[in-house]
N, C-alpha and C. Protein backbone atom coordinates (compact mmCIF):
# COMPACT_ATOMS: atom_id res chain seq x y z
N MET A 1 26.39 -1.04 -27.18
CA MET A 1 25.80 0.18 -25.89
C MET A 1 25.03 -0.61 -24.99
N VAL A 2 25.21 -0.01 -23.76
CA VAL A 2 24.33 -0.43 -23.18
C VAL A 2 22.84 0.12 -23.05
N LYS A 3 21.60 -0.61 -23.12
CA LYS A 3 20.06 -0.26 -23.44
C LYS A 3 19.90 0.17 -22.06
N PHE A 4 19.86 1.82 -22.03
CA PHE A 4 19.52 1.92 -20.30
C PHE A 4 17.88 2.38 -20.48
N LEU A 5 17.09 2.66 -21.82
CA LEU A 5 16.10 2.90 -21.74
C LEU A 5 14.80 1.84 -21.80
N LYS A 6 15.01 1.52 -20.93
CA LYS A 6 14.20 -0.23 -20.74
C LYS A 6 12.68 0.58 -19.72
N PRO A 7 11.37 -0.43 -20.18
CA PRO A 7 10.39 -0.03 -19.41
C PRO A 7 10.23 0.30 -17.71
N ASN A 8 9.13 0.92 -17.66
CA ASN A 8 8.95 1.97 -16.51
C ASN A 8 10.33 2.94 -15.53
N LYS A 9 10.72 3.15 -16.98
CA LYS A 9 12.30 4.82 -16.68
C LYS A 9 11.51 5.27 -16.20
N ALA A 10 11.58 6.30 -15.77
CA ALA A 10 11.03 7.84 -15.50
C ALA A 10 11.87 8.85 -17.01
N VAL A 11 11.02 9.23 -17.66
CA VAL A 11 11.95 10.19 -18.61
C VAL A 11 11.26 11.34 -18.57
N ILE A 12 11.80 12.60 -19.21
CA ILE A 12 11.14 14.03 -19.80
C ILE A 12 11.46 14.75 -20.53
N VAL A 13 10.64 14.88 -21.50
CA VAL A 13 9.84 15.11 -22.75
C VAL A 13 10.65 16.47 -23.31
N LEU A 14 11.38 16.66 -24.43
CA LEU A 14 11.88 17.48 -25.15
C LEU A 14 11.70 17.96 -25.54
N GLN A 15 11.03 17.83 -26.70
CA GLN A 15 10.65 17.87 -28.15
C GLN A 15 9.10 18.17 -28.35
N GLY A 16 8.29 18.65 -29.07
CA GLY A 16 6.65 18.75 -29.45
C GLY A 16 5.85 19.53 -28.32
N ARG A 17 4.80 18.37 -28.50
CA ARG A 17 3.67 19.50 -27.37
C ARG A 17 3.55 18.98 -26.27
N TYR A 18 4.06 18.12 -25.78
CA TYR A 18 4.60 17.97 -24.21
C TYR A 18 5.80 17.47 -24.06
N ALA A 19 6.34 19.05 -24.41
CA ALA A 19 8.04 18.95 -23.64
C ALA A 19 7.63 19.82 -22.34
N GLY A 20 9.05 18.71 -21.79
CA GLY A 20 9.19 19.64 -20.16
C GLY A 20 8.31 18.66 -19.23
N ARG A 21 7.86 17.55 -19.88
CA ARG A 21 6.47 17.06 -19.26
C ARG A 21 6.98 15.46 -18.84
N LYS A 22 6.98 14.87 -17.82
CA LYS A 22 7.30 13.60 -17.37
C LYS A 22 6.87 12.83 -17.70
N ALA A 23 7.11 11.07 -18.07
CA ALA A 23 6.18 9.82 -18.90
C ALA A 23 7.15 9.34 -18.04
N VAL A 24 6.63 8.17 -18.30
CA VAL A 24 7.52 6.81 -17.92
C VAL A 24 7.05 5.52 -18.96
N ILE A 25 8.10 5.17 -19.74
CA ILE A 25 8.75 4.36 -21.11
C ILE A 25 7.71 3.06 -20.33
N VAL A 26 7.12 2.67 -21.37
CA VAL A 26 5.94 1.68 -21.69
C VAL A 26 6.71 0.50 -22.20
N LYS A 27 7.08 0.71 -23.29
CA LYS A 27 7.71 0.02 -24.56
C LYS A 27 9.75 0.45 -25.12
N SER A 28 9.63 -0.33 -25.50
CA SER A 28 10.98 0.94 -26.60
C SER A 28 11.53 -0.23 -27.72
N PHE A 29 12.10 0.34 -28.75
CA PHE A 29 11.87 -0.28 -29.91
C PHE A 29 13.56 0.21 -30.34
N ASP A 30 13.95 -0.39 -29.70
CA ASP A 30 15.90 -0.01 -30.19
C ASP A 30 16.38 0.17 -31.40
N ASP A 31 15.50 -0.69 -32.17
CA ASP A 31 16.02 -1.16 -33.72
C ASP A 31 15.24 -0.48 -34.61
N GLY A 32 13.36 0.48 -33.66
CA GLY A 32 13.32 0.81 -34.57
C GLY A 32 11.99 -0.40 -35.71
N THR A 33 10.99 0.22 -36.04
CA THR A 33 9.97 -0.45 -37.35
C THR A 33 10.00 -0.09 -38.71
N ARG A 34 9.33 -0.80 -39.25
CA ARG A 34 9.56 -0.62 -40.76
C ARG A 34 8.91 0.79 -41.12
N ASP A 35 7.77 1.41 -40.42
CA ASP A 35 7.52 3.04 -40.30
C ASP A 35 8.32 3.98 -39.69
N ARG A 36 8.95 3.50 -38.67
CA ARG A 36 9.57 4.39 -37.80
C ARG A 36 11.56 3.74 -37.75
N PRO A 37 11.80 4.27 -38.61
CA PRO A 37 13.48 3.46 -38.74
C PRO A 37 14.13 4.07 -38.22
N TYR A 38 13.85 4.01 -36.63
CA TYR A 38 15.13 5.19 -35.60
C TYR A 38 14.59 4.28 -34.45
N GLY A 39 15.43 4.63 -33.45
CA GLY A 39 15.30 3.81 -32.22
C GLY A 39 14.08 4.91 -31.27
N HIS A 40 12.98 4.21 -30.77
CA HIS A 40 11.52 4.72 -30.18
C HIS A 40 10.88 4.33 -29.34
N CYS A 41 10.14 4.69 -27.82
CA CYS A 41 9.50 4.03 -27.28
C CYS A 41 8.34 4.65 -27.45
N LEU A 42 7.21 4.00 -26.77
CA LEU A 42 5.92 4.14 -26.40
C LEU A 42 5.41 4.23 -24.84
N VAL A 43 5.55 6.23 -24.35
CA VAL A 43 5.62 6.51 -22.85
C VAL A 43 3.90 6.97 -22.99
N ALA A 44 3.67 6.87 -22.15
CA ALA A 44 2.65 7.60 -21.44
C ALA A 44 3.34 8.35 -20.05
N GLY A 45 2.84 9.70 -20.27
CA GLY A 45 3.24 10.92 -19.12
C GLY A 45 1.40 11.45 -18.47
N VAL A 46 2.63 12.23 -17.51
CA VAL A 46 1.48 12.97 -17.01
C VAL A 46 1.38 14.19 -18.20
N LYS A 47 -0.16 14.61 -18.79
CA LYS A 47 -0.17 16.25 -19.83
C LYS A 47 -0.35 17.48 -18.09
N LYS A 48 -1.63 17.17 -17.22
CA LYS A 48 -1.56 17.59 -16.19
C LYS A 48 -0.95 17.28 -15.17
N TYR A 49 -0.95 18.00 -14.16
CA TYR A 49 -0.14 17.65 -13.04
C TYR A 49 -1.05 18.13 -11.71
N PRO A 50 -1.27 17.40 -10.82
CA PRO A 50 -2.28 17.05 -9.71
C PRO A 50 -1.64 18.42 -9.24
N SER A 51 -3.17 19.08 -8.68
CA SER A 51 -2.53 20.27 -7.88
C SER A 51 -2.32 20.42 -5.90
N LYS A 52 -1.43 21.14 -5.69
CA LYS A 52 -0.99 21.07 -3.92
C LYS A 52 -2.26 20.62 -3.22
N VAL A 53 -2.31 19.70 -2.42
CA VAL A 53 -3.63 19.90 -1.72
C VAL A 53 -3.24 20.45 -0.09
N ILE A 54 -4.05 21.11 0.37
CA ILE A 54 -3.79 21.54 1.55
C ILE A 54 -4.79 20.90 2.53
N ARG A 55 -4.92 21.01 3.96
CA ARG A 55 -5.19 20.36 4.96
C ARG A 55 -7.22 20.89 4.83
N LYS A 56 -7.16 22.28 4.45
CA LYS A 56 -8.26 22.90 4.94
C LYS A 56 -9.52 22.49 3.89
N ASP A 57 -9.01 21.99 2.86
CA ASP A 57 -9.64 21.40 1.78
C ASP A 57 -10.53 20.73 2.02
N SER A 58 -12.03 20.63 1.26
CA SER A 58 -12.74 19.54 1.41
C SER A 58 -12.74 18.59 0.80
N ALA A 59 -13.36 17.40 1.16
CA ALA A 59 -12.75 15.99 0.11
C ALA A 59 -13.31 15.85 -1.02
N LYS A 60 -14.24 16.79 -1.90
CA LYS A 60 -14.71 16.82 -3.06
C LYS A 60 -13.57 17.86 -3.42
N LYS A 61 -13.05 19.19 -2.74
CA LYS A 61 -11.21 19.94 -3.64
C LYS A 61 -10.53 19.06 -3.74
N THR A 62 -9.89 18.39 -2.26
CA THR A 62 -9.32 17.37 -2.22
C THR A 62 -9.14 16.56 -3.80
N ALA A 63 -10.14 15.83 -3.64
CA ALA A 63 -10.55 15.11 -4.87
C ALA A 63 -10.55 15.67 -5.96
N LYS A 64 -10.79 17.28 -6.56
CA LYS A 64 -10.58 17.36 -7.59
C LYS A 64 -9.11 18.01 -8.14
N LYS A 65 -7.95 18.10 -7.01
CA LYS A 65 -6.99 18.80 -7.04
C LYS A 65 -6.00 17.46 -7.23
N SER A 66 -6.75 16.24 -6.97
CA SER A 66 -5.94 15.34 -7.24
C SER A 66 -6.00 14.28 -8.90
N ARG A 67 -6.61 15.12 -8.84
CA ARG A 67 -6.94 14.84 -11.28
C ARG A 67 -5.31 14.62 -11.50
N VAL A 68 -5.28 13.47 -13.01
CA VAL A 68 -3.89 13.78 -13.39
C VAL A 68 -4.83 13.56 -14.85
N LYS A 69 -4.14 14.41 -15.41
CA LYS A 69 -4.34 13.91 -17.07
C LYS A 69 -3.20 13.22 -17.76
N CYS A 70 -3.21 12.39 -18.66
CA CYS A 70 -2.35 11.75 -19.16
C CYS A 70 -2.31 11.72 -21.03
N PHE A 71 -1.37 11.35 -21.26
CA PHE A 71 -1.06 11.25 -22.80
C PHE A 71 0.06 10.02 -23.13
N ILE A 72 -0.60 9.57 -24.50
CA ILE A 72 0.20 8.27 -24.93
C ILE A 72 0.93 8.48 -25.97
N LYS A 73 1.89 8.29 -26.61
CA LYS A 73 2.87 8.88 -27.01
C LYS A 73 4.09 7.74 -27.90
N LEU A 74 4.30 7.73 -28.96
CA LEU A 74 5.71 7.56 -29.61
C LEU A 74 6.89 8.02 -29.66
N VAL A 75 7.51 7.93 -28.62
CA VAL A 75 8.70 9.07 -29.01
C VAL A 75 10.09 9.04 -29.72
N ASN A 76 10.56 9.93 -30.46
CA ASN A 76 12.07 9.41 -31.03
C ASN A 76 12.71 9.26 -29.81
N TYR A 77 14.09 8.58 -29.42
CA TYR A 77 15.09 8.37 -28.42
C TYR A 77 15.79 9.58 -27.90
N GLN A 78 16.34 10.13 -29.21
CA GLN A 78 16.49 11.21 -29.38
C GLN A 78 15.92 12.69 -28.77
N HIS A 79 14.27 12.57 -28.16
CA HIS A 79 13.43 13.74 -27.89
C HIS A 79 12.88 12.99 -26.27
N LEU A 80 13.96 12.41 -25.61
CA LEU A 80 13.70 11.91 -24.30
C LEU A 80 14.82 11.93 -23.16
N MET A 81 14.41 12.66 -22.19
CA MET A 81 16.02 12.44 -21.24
C MET A 81 15.88 11.74 -20.06
N PRO A 82 16.23 10.54 -20.05
CA PRO A 82 16.24 9.73 -18.79
C PRO A 82 16.10 10.69 -17.22
N THR A 83 15.99 9.69 -16.26
CA THR A 83 16.41 9.97 -15.64
C THR A 83 16.52 8.88 -14.34
N ARG A 84 16.70 9.50 -12.80
CA ARG A 84 17.65 8.33 -12.48
C ARG A 84 16.11 7.39 -11.78
N TYR A 85 15.44 7.58 -12.12
CA TYR A 85 13.87 6.99 -11.52
C TYR A 85 12.82 6.31 -12.27
N THR A 86 12.52 5.45 -11.58
CA THR A 86 11.66 4.02 -12.10
C THR A 86 10.04 4.40 -11.94
N LEU A 87 9.33 3.52 -11.99
CA LEU A 87 8.32 3.87 -11.15
C LEU A 87 7.28 2.15 -12.13
N ASP A 88 6.94 1.54 -11.12
CA ASP A 88 6.69 0.31 -11.18
C ASP A 88 5.12 0.06 -11.23
N VAL A 89 4.74 1.03 -12.25
CA VAL A 89 3.58 1.01 -13.14
C VAL A 89 3.04 -0.17 -13.78
N ASP A 90 2.14 -0.80 -14.15
CA ASP A 90 2.17 -2.00 -14.87
C ASP A 90 0.93 -1.26 -15.63
N LEU A 91 1.82 -1.01 -17.04
CA LEU A 91 0.81 0.30 -17.89
C LEU A 91 0.75 -1.22 -19.45
N LYS A 92 2.04 -2.40 -19.13
CA LYS A 92 1.82 -2.57 -20.26
C LYS A 92 0.18 -3.94 -21.33
N ASP A 93 -0.21 -3.97 -19.92
CA ASP A 93 -1.66 -4.42 -20.44
C ASP A 93 -2.74 -3.44 -21.56
N VAL A 94 -2.12 -2.21 -20.88
CA VAL A 94 -3.30 -1.38 -20.59
C VAL A 94 -2.87 -0.64 -22.37
N VAL A 95 -2.10 0.18 -22.38
CA VAL A 95 -0.82 1.08 -23.07
C VAL A 95 -0.40 0.15 -24.50
N THR A 96 -0.88 -0.60 -25.42
CA THR A 96 0.08 -1.02 -26.81
C THR A 96 0.23 0.26 -28.00
N VAL A 97 0.60 -0.88 -28.90
CA VAL A 97 1.24 0.56 -29.55
C VAL A 97 -0.51 0.07 -31.28
N ASP A 98 -1.31 -0.67 -30.58
CA ASP A 98 -2.59 -1.10 -31.47
C ASP A 98 -3.30 0.09 -30.53
N ALA A 99 -3.16 0.88 -29.67
CA ALA A 99 -4.38 1.68 -29.00
C ALA A 99 -4.11 2.62 -30.08
N LEU A 100 -3.25 3.57 -30.18
CA LEU A 100 -2.76 4.35 -31.08
C LEU A 100 -3.31 4.30 -32.79
N GLN A 101 -4.22 3.34 -32.53
CA GLN A 101 -4.26 3.54 -34.29
C GLN A 101 -6.29 3.98 -34.52
N SER A 102 -6.73 3.38 -33.78
CA SER A 102 -7.92 4.83 -33.84
C SER A 102 -8.26 4.90 -32.47
N LYS A 103 -9.23 6.33 -32.44
CA LYS A 103 -9.03 7.47 -31.53
C LYS A 103 -10.13 6.87 -30.17
N ASP A 104 -11.09 5.85 -30.30
CA ASP A 104 -11.43 5.59 -29.06
C ASP A 104 -10.90 4.57 -28.57
N LYS A 105 -9.68 3.53 -29.23
CA LYS A 105 -8.89 2.97 -28.32
C LYS A 105 -7.67 3.37 -27.42
N LYS A 106 -7.45 4.72 -27.89
CA LYS A 106 -6.92 6.03 -27.46
C LYS A 106 -7.25 6.23 -26.46
N VAL A 107 -8.67 6.60 -25.82
CA VAL A 107 -8.73 7.23 -25.34
C VAL A 107 -9.41 6.95 -23.82
N ALA A 108 -9.59 4.92 -23.94
CA ALA A 108 -9.62 4.12 -23.15
C ALA A 108 -8.56 3.69 -22.91
N ALA A 109 -7.48 3.81 -23.71
CA ALA A 109 -6.37 3.40 -22.41
C ALA A 109 -6.05 4.70 -22.03
N CYS A 110 -5.83 6.24 -22.90
CA CYS A 110 -5.99 6.95 -21.90
C CYS A 110 -7.00 7.12 -20.48
N LYS A 111 -7.69 6.54 -19.97
CA LYS A 111 -8.01 6.61 -19.02
C LYS A 111 -8.12 5.93 -18.38
N ALA A 112 -7.31 4.13 -18.87
CA ALA A 112 -6.73 3.55 -17.43
C ALA A 112 -5.65 3.71 -17.18
N THR A 113 -4.92 4.56 -18.13
CA THR A 113 -3.79 4.62 -17.75
C THR A 113 -3.82 5.86 -16.36
N LYS A 114 -4.53 6.77 -16.38
CA LYS A 114 -5.35 8.17 -15.36
C LYS A 114 -5.35 7.60 -14.27
N GLU A 115 -6.60 6.26 -14.11
CA GLU A 115 -6.93 5.54 -12.65
C GLU A 115 -5.83 5.07 -12.38
N ARG A 116 -4.56 4.82 -13.18
CA ARG A 116 -3.36 3.72 -12.10
C ARG A 116 -2.86 5.19 -11.69
N PHE A 117 -2.43 6.17 -12.97
CA PHE A 117 -1.43 6.90 -12.18
C PHE A 117 -2.47 7.85 -10.77
N GLU A 118 -3.43 8.07 -10.92
CA GLU A 118 -4.09 8.97 -9.59
C GLU A 118 -3.79 7.71 -8.59
N GLU A 119 -3.87 6.56 -8.53
CA GLU A 119 -4.21 5.32 -7.83
C GLU A 119 -2.16 5.58 -6.73
N ARG A 120 -2.05 5.59 -7.83
CA ARG A 120 -0.23 5.82 -7.69
C ARG A 120 -0.04 7.56 -6.87
N PHE A 121 -0.47 8.23 -7.15
CA PHE A 121 0.02 9.44 -6.89
C PHE A 121 -1.20 9.32 -5.61
N LYS A 122 -1.97 9.33 -5.12
CA LYS A 122 -3.20 9.41 -4.15
C LYS A 122 -2.36 8.04 -2.60
N THR A 123 -1.60 6.79 -3.25
CA THR A 123 -1.05 6.31 -1.95
C THR A 123 0.78 7.02 -1.66
N GLY A 124 1.01 8.02 -2.53
CA GLY A 124 1.90 8.80 -2.22
C GLY A 124 3.21 7.93 -2.41
N LYS A 125 3.11 7.26 -3.61
CA LYS A 125 4.45 6.87 -4.08
C LYS A 125 4.73 7.48 -5.51
N ASN A 126 5.95 8.07 -5.62
CA ASN A 126 6.85 8.48 -6.69
C ASN A 126 5.86 9.62 -6.58
N ARG A 127 6.40 10.43 -5.65
CA ARG A 127 6.58 11.91 -5.90
C ARG A 127 6.61 12.50 -6.56
N TRP A 128 8.28 12.09 -6.74
CA TRP A 128 9.10 13.68 -7.87
C TRP A 128 8.18 13.04 -8.60
N PHE A 129 7.84 11.77 -9.52
CA PHE A 129 6.74 11.59 -10.69
C PHE A 129 5.65 12.53 -11.17
N PHE A 130 5.18 13.17 -10.24
CA PHE A 130 3.78 14.09 -9.70
C PHE A 130 3.71 15.57 -9.40
N THR A 131 5.34 16.11 -9.60
CA THR A 131 5.61 17.39 -9.33
C THR A 131 5.94 18.17 -10.70
N LYS A 132 5.42 18.91 -11.00
CA LYS A 132 5.92 19.86 -12.13
C LYS A 132 6.94 20.29 -12.10
N LEU A 133 7.82 19.97 -13.57
CA LEU A 133 8.72 20.25 -13.81
C LEU A 133 8.93 22.01 -13.73
N ARG A 134 10.36 22.51 -12.71
CA ARG A 134 10.25 23.90 -12.34
C ARG A 134 12.07 24.36 -12.86
N PHE A 135 11.42 24.84 -14.04
CA PHE A 135 12.87 25.69 -14.43
C PHE A 135 12.91 26.76 -15.48
């Protein structure tokens, strides 16, 4: 079988707290691990999407509307829907499985991911990824 759930692939989370949210695969575990004996992957996604920015907004309001909240999670392959999009955001050095072990490491990883996502949003690349899924 062809492995198509590769790193930097944009996916949609289907189950759980972040159902309907867009995420990007950071690392995939096709054969599973000892504590998770099924195919799963580490994803970083958008918890709160940026709001629509209009021209008459002040710089302060534009900065506030451009904020992104993110999440980091290990997700079963069954609970993901792959998309045709890829994001060339380098999160490998920031988001690791070890970052999920303790709360302070996870918070630090989330902050670094948030910075990378916001920088990506402000440059105007990957616009689809930062729009809310309408259904």
